[in-house]
Amino acid sequence: MRGMTAEQTDTTPRIDPDTRSGERVALEEWLDFHRATLAQKCEGLDDVQLRTASAPPSDLNLMGLVRHMAEVERGWFRRVLAGEEADWIYSTKEDHDGDIHVGETDTWEEAYATWQGEIARARANAAGRGLDDVGVGKHRSGETFNLRWIYLHMIEEYARHNGHADLIRERIDGATGD
């Protein structure tokens, strides 16, 4: 990542979206770009740093953001698009923000693997569907959404949380970058 500290390593490939792609490819490339951006924001940190809520009074932390995005991937691509009955991973009725509320025993290895697993399922569930195809499941609002809307929403969701990740990361070790 440009501007990162010398200790920071860039092991997550992040490919700039093609400027001449068609709509479907462009949406997928931008979503993958933002997924990789979040991964890069977390690189080079240990579990303690990844669990650190560094911008009080917010309890947002990088590991929690990754866990949150695993929940979001699951919600939109499994529940809404594919109609799967997929339980929450981290959140509960008692703690709706359980994805963000990480504990001392929560690890990056588990959070990252879970997130990547949800991304793989998202890609599989989107494959073979057209952008105008409406998901067979419903959002908690009762509405249905087409794949185009889901892609656009996911890009927005990652972009917003990548902004949070920027600030959290800079407060942890001073690293900045796009």
N, C-alpha and C. Protein backbone atom coordinates (compact mmCIF):
# COMPACT_ATOMS: atom_id res chain seq x y z
N MET A 1 0.84 -1.16 0.00
CA MET A 1 0.00 0.00 0.00
C MET A 1 0.89 1.23 0.00
N ARG A 2 0.61 2.16 -0.82
CA ARG A 2 1.41 3.37 -0.86
C ARG A 2 1.35 4.09 0.47
N GLY A 3 2.52 4.56 0.96
CA GLY A 3 2.56 5.34 2.17
C GLY A 3 2.63 4.53 3.45
N MET A 4 2.63 3.21 3.39
CA MET A 4 2.70 2.40 4.60
C MET A 4 4.10 2.44 5.17
N THR A 5 4.20 2.15 6.46
CA THR A 5 5.50 2.15 7.13
C THR A 5 6.37 1.04 6.56
N ALA A 6 7.65 1.13 6.81
CA ALA A 6 8.61 0.14 6.29
C ALA A 6 8.32 -1.25 6.84
N GLU A 7 7.78 -1.32 8.06
CA GLU A 7 7.49 -2.63 8.66
C GLU A 7 6.29 -3.30 7.99
N GLN A 8 5.47 -2.52 7.32
CA GLN A 8 4.26 -3.04 6.69
C GLN A 8 4.62 -3.84 5.44
N THR A 9 4.00 -4.99 5.29
CA THR A 9 4.22 -5.79 4.09
C THR A 9 2.94 -5.84 3.28
N ASP A 10 3.07 -5.83 2.00
CA ASP A 10 1.92 -5.93 1.11
C ASP A 10 1.87 -7.33 0.53
N THR A 11 1.20 -8.23 1.22
CA THR A 11 1.09 -9.59 0.71
C THR A 11 -0.25 -9.82 0.01
N THR A 12 -1.21 -8.94 0.25
CA THR A 12 -2.51 -9.06 -0.39
C THR A 12 -2.48 -8.33 -1.71
N PRO A 13 -2.64 -9.05 -2.81
CA PRO A 13 -2.65 -8.35 -4.11
C PRO A 13 -3.91 -7.50 -4.23
N ARG A 14 -3.74 -6.31 -4.71
CA ARG A 14 -4.86 -5.42 -4.96
C ARG A 14 -4.71 -4.90 -6.38
N ILE A 15 -5.64 -5.29 -7.22
CA ILE A 15 -5.57 -4.95 -8.64
C ILE A 15 -6.54 -3.82 -8.92
N ASP A 16 -6.01 -2.76 -9.54
CA ASP A 16 -6.88 -1.65 -9.94
C ASP A 16 -7.88 -2.14 -10.98
N PRO A 17 -9.15 -1.77 -10.80
CA PRO A 17 -10.15 -2.17 -11.79
C PRO A 17 -9.83 -1.62 -13.17
N ASP A 18 -10.11 -2.41 -14.18
CA ASP A 18 -9.89 -2.02 -15.57
C ASP A 18 -10.81 -0.84 -15.89
N THR A 19 -10.29 0.15 -16.55
CA THR A 19 -11.07 1.35 -16.87
C THR A 19 -12.01 1.16 -18.05
N ARG A 20 -11.96 0.01 -18.69
CA ARG A 20 -12.82 -0.23 -19.86
C ARG A 20 -13.68 -1.48 -19.73
N SER A 21 -13.81 -1.97 -18.52
CA SER A 21 -14.61 -3.19 -18.30
C SER A 21 -16.08 -2.93 -18.53
N GLY A 22 -16.77 -3.99 -18.87
CA GLY A 22 -18.23 -3.93 -18.93
C GLY A 22 -18.78 -3.85 -17.51
N GLU A 23 -20.08 -3.64 -17.41
CA GLU A 23 -20.70 -3.41 -16.11
C GLU A 23 -20.46 -4.54 -15.11
N ARG A 24 -20.71 -5.77 -15.46
CA ARG A 24 -20.57 -6.88 -14.53
C ARG A 24 -19.13 -7.02 -14.06
N VAL A 25 -18.21 -7.00 -14.98
CA VAL A 25 -16.79 -7.13 -14.62
C VAL A 25 -16.36 -5.95 -13.76
N ALA A 26 -16.79 -4.75 -14.11
CA ALA A 26 -16.43 -3.57 -13.33
C ALA A 26 -16.93 -3.68 -11.89
N LEU A 27 -18.16 -4.11 -11.71
CA LEU A 27 -18.70 -4.27 -10.36
C LEU A 27 -17.90 -5.30 -9.56
N GLU A 28 -17.59 -6.42 -10.19
CA GLU A 28 -16.82 -7.46 -9.50
C GLU A 28 -15.40 -6.99 -9.20
N GLU A 29 -14.78 -6.27 -10.14
CA GLU A 29 -13.42 -5.78 -9.91
C GLU A 29 -13.38 -4.74 -8.80
N TRP A 30 -14.35 -3.84 -8.75
CA TRP A 30 -14.37 -2.84 -7.68
C TRP A 30 -14.64 -3.48 -6.32
N LEU A 31 -15.50 -4.48 -6.29
CA LEU A 31 -15.76 -5.17 -5.03
C LEU A 31 -14.49 -5.89 -4.57
N ASP A 32 -13.81 -6.57 -5.46
CA ASP A 32 -12.56 -7.25 -5.10
C ASP A 32 -11.48 -6.25 -4.67
N PHE A 33 -11.43 -5.10 -5.33
CA PHE A 33 -10.48 -4.05 -4.95
C PHE A 33 -10.71 -3.63 -3.50
N HIS A 34 -11.96 -3.42 -3.13
CA HIS A 34 -12.27 -2.99 -1.77
C HIS A 34 -12.06 -4.11 -0.76
N ARG A 35 -12.32 -5.34 -1.14
CA ARG A 35 -12.01 -6.46 -0.25
C ARG A 35 -10.51 -6.50 0.03
N ALA A 36 -9.71 -6.36 -1.01
CA ALA A 36 -8.25 -6.39 -0.85
C ALA A 36 -7.76 -5.19 -0.04
N THR A 37 -8.41 -4.06 -0.20
CA THR A 37 -8.02 -2.87 0.57
C THR A 37 -8.18 -3.13 2.06
N LEU A 38 -9.30 -3.72 2.47
CA LEU A 38 -9.50 -4.01 3.88
C LEU A 38 -8.43 -4.99 4.39
N ALA A 39 -8.13 -6.00 3.60
CA ALA A 39 -7.08 -6.95 3.99
C ALA A 39 -5.75 -6.23 4.17
N GLN A 40 -5.42 -5.33 3.25
CA GLN A 40 -4.16 -4.60 3.35
C GLN A 40 -4.11 -3.72 4.60
N LYS A 41 -5.23 -3.14 4.97
CA LYS A 41 -5.26 -2.30 6.17
C LYS A 41 -4.90 -3.09 7.42
N CYS A 42 -5.08 -4.41 7.37
CA CYS A 42 -4.83 -5.26 8.53
C CYS A 42 -3.44 -5.90 8.52
N GLU A 43 -2.75 -5.83 7.41
CA GLU A 43 -1.46 -6.52 7.28
C GLU A 43 -0.40 -5.96 8.20
N GLY A 44 0.44 -6.86 8.70
CA GLY A 44 1.58 -6.47 9.51
C GLY A 44 1.25 -6.21 10.97
N LEU A 45 0.01 -6.42 11.38
CA LEU A 45 -0.38 -6.19 12.76
C LEU A 45 -0.59 -7.52 13.46
N ASP A 46 -0.36 -7.54 14.77
CA ASP A 46 -0.62 -8.76 15.53
C ASP A 46 -2.06 -8.74 16.04
N ASP A 47 -2.47 -9.84 16.66
CA ASP A 47 -3.86 -9.97 17.11
C ASP A 47 -4.26 -8.87 18.09
N VAL A 48 -3.35 -8.49 18.99
CA VAL A 48 -3.66 -7.44 19.95
C VAL A 48 -3.94 -6.13 19.23
N GLN A 49 -3.10 -5.78 18.28
CA GLN A 49 -3.31 -4.56 17.51
C GLN A 49 -4.60 -4.63 16.70
N LEU A 50 -4.88 -5.77 16.11
CA LEU A 50 -6.09 -5.93 15.30
C LEU A 50 -7.36 -5.85 16.14
N ARG A 51 -7.26 -6.17 17.44
CA ARG A 51 -8.40 -6.07 18.34
C ARG A 51 -8.53 -4.69 18.98
N THR A 52 -7.56 -3.81 18.73
CA THR A 52 -7.51 -2.51 19.38
C THR A 52 -8.52 -1.54 18.80
N ALA A 53 -9.36 -1.02 19.67
CA ALA A 53 -10.28 0.06 19.31
C ALA A 53 -9.50 1.36 19.57
N SER A 54 -8.96 1.92 18.51
CA SER A 54 -7.98 3.00 18.66
C SER A 54 -8.54 4.41 18.49
N ALA A 55 -9.84 4.53 18.31
CA ALA A 55 -10.43 5.85 18.11
C ALA A 55 -11.62 6.04 19.06
N PRO A 56 -11.33 6.14 20.37
CA PRO A 56 -12.42 6.30 21.33
C PRO A 56 -13.29 7.50 21.00
N PRO A 57 -14.57 7.46 21.29
CA PRO A 57 -15.25 6.45 22.10
C PRO A 57 -15.72 5.24 21.29
N SER A 58 -15.43 5.19 19.99
CA SER A 58 -15.85 4.07 19.16
C SER A 58 -15.14 2.79 19.60
N ASP A 59 -15.87 1.68 19.54
CA ASP A 59 -15.26 0.39 19.83
C ASP A 59 -14.90 -0.37 18.55
N LEU A 60 -14.93 0.32 17.40
CA LEU A 60 -14.52 -0.30 16.14
C LEU A 60 -13.05 -0.69 16.20
N ASN A 61 -12.75 -1.82 15.63
CA ASN A 61 -11.39 -2.32 15.54
C ASN A 61 -11.25 -3.08 14.23
N LEU A 62 -10.03 -3.26 13.79
CA LEU A 62 -9.82 -3.88 12.47
C LEU A 62 -10.31 -5.32 12.40
N MET A 63 -10.04 -6.12 13.42
CA MET A 63 -10.52 -7.49 13.40
C MET A 63 -12.05 -7.51 13.39
N GLY A 64 -12.66 -6.62 14.14
CA GLY A 64 -14.11 -6.53 14.17
C GLY A 64 -14.68 -6.11 12.82
N LEU A 65 -13.99 -5.22 12.11
CA LEU A 65 -14.46 -4.84 10.78
C LEU A 65 -14.41 -6.01 9.81
N VAL A 66 -13.36 -6.81 9.90
CA VAL A 66 -13.27 -8.00 9.04
C VAL A 66 -14.38 -8.98 9.40
N ARG A 67 -14.62 -9.18 10.69
CA ARG A 67 -15.70 -10.08 11.10
C ARG A 67 -17.05 -9.53 10.65
N HIS A 68 -17.22 -8.20 10.74
CA HIS A 68 -18.45 -7.57 10.28
C HIS A 68 -18.65 -7.82 8.79
N MET A 69 -17.60 -7.68 8.01
CA MET A 69 -17.74 -7.87 6.57
C MET A 69 -18.01 -9.34 6.23
N ALA A 70 -17.54 -10.26 7.05
CA ALA A 70 -17.92 -11.66 6.86
C ALA A 70 -19.42 -11.81 7.05
N GLU A 71 -19.96 -11.15 8.07
CA GLU A 71 -21.41 -11.19 8.31
C GLU A 71 -22.17 -10.55 7.15
N VAL A 72 -21.66 -9.44 6.64
CA VAL A 72 -22.33 -8.73 5.54
C VAL A 72 -22.30 -9.56 4.27
N GLU A 73 -21.14 -10.15 3.95
CA GLU A 73 -21.05 -11.03 2.77
C GLU A 73 -22.08 -12.15 2.90
N ARG A 74 -22.14 -12.77 4.08
CA ARG A 74 -23.07 -13.86 4.31
C ARG A 74 -24.51 -13.40 4.15
N GLY A 75 -24.83 -12.26 4.73
CA GLY A 75 -26.20 -11.77 4.68
C GLY A 75 -26.69 -11.51 3.26
N TRP A 76 -25.89 -10.80 2.48
CA TRP A 76 -26.34 -10.42 1.15
C TRP A 76 -26.23 -11.53 0.12
N PHE A 77 -25.12 -12.25 0.12
CA PHE A 77 -24.94 -13.25 -0.94
C PHE A 77 -25.52 -14.62 -0.60
N ARG A 78 -25.62 -14.93 0.67
CA ARG A 78 -26.19 -16.23 1.04
C ARG A 78 -27.67 -16.13 1.38
N ARG A 79 -28.01 -15.22 2.29
CA ARG A 79 -29.41 -15.13 2.70
C ARG A 79 -30.28 -14.46 1.63
N VAL A 80 -29.87 -13.27 1.18
CA VAL A 80 -30.72 -12.49 0.28
C VAL A 80 -30.65 -13.01 -1.15
N LEU A 81 -29.45 -13.20 -1.68
CA LEU A 81 -29.32 -13.62 -3.07
C LEU A 81 -29.71 -15.08 -3.26
N ALA A 82 -29.12 -15.97 -2.46
CA ALA A 82 -29.32 -17.40 -2.67
C ALA A 82 -30.46 -18.00 -1.85
N GLY A 83 -30.98 -17.25 -0.89
CA GLY A 83 -32.08 -17.77 -0.08
C GLY A 83 -31.66 -18.84 0.91
N GLU A 84 -30.38 -18.88 1.25
CA GLU A 84 -29.88 -19.87 2.21
C GLU A 84 -30.28 -19.48 3.64
N GLU A 85 -30.48 -20.48 4.46
CA GLU A 85 -30.70 -20.24 5.88
C GLU A 85 -29.34 -20.33 6.55
N ALA A 86 -28.68 -19.21 6.64
CA ALA A 86 -27.33 -19.15 7.21
C ALA A 86 -27.37 -18.33 8.50
N ASP A 87 -27.05 -18.98 9.60
CA ASP A 87 -27.04 -18.30 10.89
C ASP A 87 -25.99 -17.20 10.92
N TRP A 88 -26.14 -16.30 11.88
CA TRP A 88 -25.13 -15.28 12.11
C TRP A 88 -23.86 -15.97 12.56
N ILE A 89 -22.74 -15.41 12.22
CA ILE A 89 -21.45 -15.98 12.60
C ILE A 89 -21.05 -15.51 13.99
N TYR A 90 -21.10 -14.22 14.22
CA TYR A 90 -20.61 -13.62 15.47
C TYR A 90 -21.70 -12.89 16.25
N SER A 91 -22.66 -12.35 15.57
CA SER A 91 -23.70 -11.57 16.21
C SER A 91 -24.76 -12.48 16.81
N THR A 92 -25.37 -12.00 17.87
CA THR A 92 -26.43 -12.75 18.55
C THR A 92 -27.57 -11.80 18.86
N LYS A 93 -28.68 -12.34 19.33
CA LYS A 93 -29.79 -11.50 19.77
C LYS A 93 -29.36 -10.63 20.95
N GLU A 94 -28.52 -11.18 21.79
CA GLU A 94 -28.04 -10.44 22.95
C GLU A 94 -26.99 -9.40 22.59
N ASP A 95 -26.23 -9.65 21.56
CA ASP A 95 -25.17 -8.73 21.14
C ASP A 95 -25.20 -8.62 19.62
N HIS A 96 -26.03 -7.70 19.15
CA HIS A 96 -26.17 -7.50 17.70
C HIS A 96 -24.84 -7.10 17.07
N ASP A 97 -23.97 -6.47 17.83
CA ASP A 97 -22.65 -6.06 17.32
C ASP A 97 -21.55 -7.02 17.76
N GLY A 98 -21.90 -8.28 17.94
CA GLY A 98 -20.92 -9.29 18.35
C GLY A 98 -19.77 -9.43 17.38
N ASP A 99 -20.00 -9.08 16.11
CA ASP A 99 -18.92 -9.12 15.14
C ASP A 99 -17.83 -8.11 15.49
N ILE A 100 -18.21 -6.95 15.96
CA ILE A 100 -17.27 -5.90 16.33
C ILE A 100 -16.68 -6.13 17.71
N HIS A 101 -17.44 -6.73 18.60
CA HIS A 101 -17.00 -6.94 19.98
C HIS A 101 -16.10 -8.17 20.08
N VAL A 102 -14.84 -7.98 19.77
CA VAL A 102 -13.89 -9.09 19.81
C VAL A 102 -13.35 -9.24 21.23
N GLY A 103 -13.00 -10.48 21.55
CA GLY A 103 -12.43 -10.77 22.87
C GLY A 103 -10.95 -11.13 22.75
N GLU A 104 -10.33 -11.30 23.90
CA GLU A 104 -8.89 -11.60 23.94
C GLU A 104 -8.53 -12.91 23.28
N THR A 105 -9.47 -13.82 23.17
CA THR A 105 -9.17 -15.12 22.56
C THR A 105 -9.49 -15.16 21.06
N ASP A 106 -10.12 -14.11 20.56
CA ASP A 106 -10.42 -14.06 19.12
C ASP A 106 -9.14 -13.81 18.35
N THR A 107 -8.99 -14.54 17.22
CA THR A 107 -7.74 -14.46 16.47
C THR A 107 -7.97 -13.97 15.04
N TRP A 108 -6.93 -13.37 14.51
CA TRP A 108 -6.94 -12.94 13.12
C TRP A 108 -7.07 -14.14 12.20
N GLU A 109 -6.38 -15.21 12.53
CA GLU A 109 -6.41 -16.41 11.69
C GLU A 109 -7.85 -16.88 11.48
N GLU A 110 -8.63 -16.94 12.55
CA GLU A 110 -10.02 -17.38 12.44
C GLU A 110 -10.86 -16.35 11.70
N ALA A 111 -10.72 -15.08 12.06
CA ALA A 111 -11.53 -14.02 11.43
C ALA A 111 -11.25 -13.96 9.93
N TYR A 112 -9.99 -14.00 9.57
CA TYR A 112 -9.61 -13.91 8.16
C TYR A 112 -10.12 -15.13 7.38
N ALA A 113 -9.95 -16.31 7.94
CA ALA A 113 -10.41 -17.53 7.26
C ALA A 113 -11.93 -17.52 7.07
N THR A 114 -12.64 -17.08 8.08
CA THR A 114 -14.10 -17.00 7.99
C THR A 114 -14.51 -16.00 6.91
N TRP A 115 -13.88 -14.84 6.92
CA TRP A 115 -14.18 -13.80 5.93
C TRP A 115 -13.90 -14.30 4.52
N GLN A 116 -12.74 -14.93 4.32
CA GLN A 116 -12.40 -15.44 2.99
C GLN A 116 -13.36 -16.54 2.56
N GLY A 117 -13.80 -17.36 3.50
CA GLY A 117 -14.79 -18.39 3.19
C GLY A 117 -16.11 -17.79 2.73
N GLU A 118 -16.53 -16.71 3.37
CA GLU A 118 -17.76 -16.04 2.96
C GLU A 118 -17.61 -15.38 1.60
N ILE A 119 -16.43 -14.83 1.33
CA ILE A 119 -16.19 -14.24 0.01
C ILE A 119 -16.26 -15.32 -1.07
N ALA A 120 -15.68 -16.47 -0.80
CA ALA A 120 -15.73 -17.57 -1.77
C ALA A 120 -17.18 -18.00 -2.02
N ARG A 121 -17.99 -18.09 -0.96
CA ARG A 121 -19.40 -18.46 -1.12
C ARG A 121 -20.15 -17.38 -1.89
N ALA A 122 -19.81 -16.10 -1.62
CA ALA A 122 -20.44 -14.99 -2.33
C ALA A 122 -20.19 -15.10 -3.83
N ARG A 123 -18.93 -15.34 -4.18
CA ARG A 123 -18.59 -15.47 -5.61
C ARG A 123 -19.34 -16.64 -6.23
N ALA A 124 -19.39 -17.76 -5.53
CA ALA A 124 -20.08 -18.93 -6.06
C ALA A 124 -21.58 -18.66 -6.22
N ASN A 125 -22.18 -17.98 -5.26
CA ASN A 125 -23.61 -17.70 -5.34
C ASN A 125 -23.94 -16.68 -6.43
N ALA A 126 -23.01 -15.79 -6.73
CA ALA A 126 -23.24 -14.80 -7.78
C ALA A 126 -22.97 -15.36 -9.18
N ALA A 127 -22.11 -16.34 -9.27
CA ALA A 127 -21.75 -16.92 -10.58
C ALA A 127 -22.99 -17.48 -11.25
N GLY A 128 -23.11 -17.20 -12.52
CA GLY A 128 -24.23 -17.74 -13.29
C GLY A 128 -25.52 -16.94 -13.16
N ARG A 129 -25.53 -15.93 -12.33
CA ARG A 129 -26.71 -15.07 -12.20
C ARG A 129 -26.47 -13.79 -12.98
N GLY A 130 -27.50 -13.27 -13.55
CA GLY A 130 -27.41 -11.98 -14.24
C GLY A 130 -27.59 -10.84 -13.26
N LEU A 131 -27.13 -9.66 -13.64
CA LEU A 131 -27.24 -8.49 -12.77
C LEU A 131 -28.69 -8.14 -12.45
N ASP A 132 -29.61 -8.46 -13.34
CA ASP A 132 -31.02 -8.16 -13.11
C ASP A 132 -31.74 -9.27 -12.35
N ASP A 133 -31.06 -10.39 -12.12
CA ASP A 133 -31.69 -11.49 -11.38
C ASP A 133 -31.94 -11.07 -9.94
N VAL A 134 -33.17 -11.28 -9.50
CA VAL A 134 -33.56 -10.94 -8.13
C VAL A 134 -33.27 -12.14 -7.24
N GLY A 135 -32.71 -11.86 -6.08
CA GLY A 135 -32.40 -12.92 -5.13
C GLY A 135 -33.64 -13.67 -4.72
N VAL A 136 -33.45 -14.93 -4.36
CA VAL A 136 -34.58 -15.76 -3.96
C VAL A 136 -34.90 -15.61 -2.48
N GLY A 137 -34.01 -14.98 -1.73
CA GLY A 137 -34.26 -14.70 -0.32
C GLY A 137 -34.69 -13.27 -0.13
N LYS A 138 -35.02 -12.96 1.10
CA LYS A 138 -35.44 -11.60 1.43
C LYS A 138 -34.53 -11.02 2.49
N HIS A 139 -34.36 -9.73 2.40
CA HIS A 139 -33.64 -8.96 3.41
C HIS A 139 -34.52 -8.91 4.67
N ARG A 140 -33.93 -8.59 5.81
CA ARG A 140 -34.72 -8.51 7.03
C ARG A 140 -35.85 -7.48 6.93
N SER A 141 -35.73 -6.56 5.98
CA SER A 141 -36.79 -5.57 5.74
C SER A 141 -37.98 -6.18 4.99
N GLY A 142 -37.79 -7.39 4.47
CA GLY A 142 -38.83 -8.04 3.68
C GLY A 142 -38.69 -7.80 2.19
N GLU A 143 -37.75 -6.94 1.81
CA GLU A 143 -37.54 -6.62 0.39
C GLU A 143 -36.64 -7.66 -0.28
N THR A 144 -36.78 -7.71 -1.62
CA THR A 144 -35.87 -8.50 -2.43
C THR A 144 -34.99 -7.53 -3.23
N PHE A 145 -33.83 -8.02 -3.68
CA PHE A 145 -32.86 -7.17 -4.36
C PHE A 145 -32.25 -7.93 -5.52
N ASN A 146 -31.95 -7.19 -6.60
CA ASN A 146 -31.26 -7.85 -7.71
C ASN A 146 -29.75 -7.83 -7.45
N LEU A 147 -29.03 -8.64 -8.21
CA LEU A 147 -27.60 -8.78 -8.01
C LEU A 147 -26.87 -7.46 -8.22
N ARG A 148 -27.29 -6.65 -9.16
CA ARG A 148 -26.65 -5.35 -9.40
C ARG A 148 -26.69 -4.51 -8.13
N TRP A 149 -27.87 -4.43 -7.51
CA TRP A 149 -28.03 -3.64 -6.29
C TRP A 149 -27.13 -4.19 -5.18
N ILE A 150 -27.06 -5.51 -5.07
CA ILE A 150 -26.22 -6.12 -4.04
C ILE A 150 -24.76 -5.77 -4.27
N TYR A 151 -24.28 -5.88 -5.51
CA TYR A 151 -22.89 -5.49 -5.79
C TYR A 151 -22.64 -4.03 -5.42
N LEU A 152 -23.53 -3.14 -5.84
CA LEU A 152 -23.35 -1.72 -5.55
C LEU A 152 -23.36 -1.46 -4.04
N HIS A 153 -24.26 -2.11 -3.35
CA HIS A 153 -24.31 -1.95 -1.89
C HIS A 153 -23.04 -2.46 -1.24
N MET A 154 -22.55 -3.60 -1.69
CA MET A 154 -21.32 -4.15 -1.10
C MET A 154 -20.12 -3.24 -1.34
N ILE A 155 -20.03 -2.65 -2.52
CA ILE A 155 -18.95 -1.69 -2.80
C ILE A 155 -19.06 -0.51 -1.84
N GLU A 156 -20.26 0.00 -1.65
CA GLU A 156 -20.49 1.11 -0.71
C GLU A 156 -20.12 0.70 0.70
N GLU A 157 -20.53 -0.48 1.11
CA GLU A 157 -20.27 -0.96 2.47
C GLU A 157 -18.77 -1.08 2.73
N TYR A 158 -18.05 -1.68 1.80
CA TYR A 158 -16.59 -1.78 1.96
C TYR A 158 -15.92 -0.41 1.93
N ALA A 159 -16.35 0.46 1.02
CA ALA A 159 -15.73 1.78 0.92
C ALA A 159 -15.88 2.54 2.23
N ARG A 160 -17.07 2.50 2.81
CA ARG A 160 -17.31 3.18 4.09
C ARG A 160 -16.43 2.60 5.19
N HIS A 161 -16.40 1.29 5.28
CA HIS A 161 -15.61 0.67 6.35
C HIS A 161 -14.12 0.75 6.09
N ASN A 162 -13.71 0.83 4.84
CA ASN A 162 -12.28 1.05 4.57
C ASN A 162 -11.85 2.44 5.05
N GLY A 163 -12.75 3.40 5.01
CA GLY A 163 -12.45 4.71 5.59
C GLY A 163 -12.26 4.60 7.09
N HIS A 164 -13.12 3.82 7.75
CA HIS A 164 -12.94 3.57 9.18
C HIS A 164 -11.60 2.89 9.42
N ALA A 165 -11.29 1.88 8.60
CA ALA A 165 -10.04 1.13 8.76
C ALA A 165 -8.83 2.04 8.62
N ASP A 166 -8.89 3.00 7.70
CA ASP A 166 -7.81 3.98 7.55
C ASP A 166 -7.52 4.68 8.87
N LEU A 167 -8.57 5.19 9.48
CA LEU A 167 -8.40 5.94 10.72
C LEU A 167 -7.92 5.05 11.87
N ILE A 168 -8.51 3.87 11.98
CA ILE A 168 -8.11 2.95 13.04
C ILE A 168 -6.64 2.58 12.88
N ARG A 169 -6.25 2.24 11.67
CA ARG A 169 -4.86 1.84 11.42
C ARG A 169 -3.89 2.98 11.72
N GLU A 170 -4.22 4.16 11.28
CA GLU A 170 -3.32 5.29 11.52
C GLU A 170 -3.15 5.53 13.02
N ARG A 171 -4.20 5.35 13.80
CA ARG A 171 -4.11 5.53 15.25
C ARG A 171 -3.28 4.42 15.90
N ILE A 172 -3.25 3.24 15.30
CA ILE A 172 -2.49 2.12 15.89
C ILE A 172 -1.01 2.31 15.70
N ASP A 173 -0.57 2.56 14.46
CA ASP A 173 0.88 2.61 14.21
C ASP A 173 1.32 3.74 13.28
N GLY A 174 0.40 4.63 12.95
CA GLY A 174 0.76 5.76 12.10
C GLY A 174 0.76 5.46 10.62
N ALA A 175 0.50 4.21 10.24
CA ALA A 175 0.52 3.84 8.83
C ALA A 175 -0.68 4.46 8.12
N THR A 176 -0.40 5.00 6.96
CA THR A 176 -1.46 5.56 6.12
C THR A 176 -1.27 5.00 4.71
N GLY A 177 -2.24 5.15 3.92
CA GLY A 177 -2.18 4.68 2.55
C GLY A 177 -3.56 4.55 1.98
N ASP A 178 -3.61 4.36 0.65
CA ASP A 178 -4.92 4.27 0.02
C ASP A 178 -5.37 2.85 -0.12
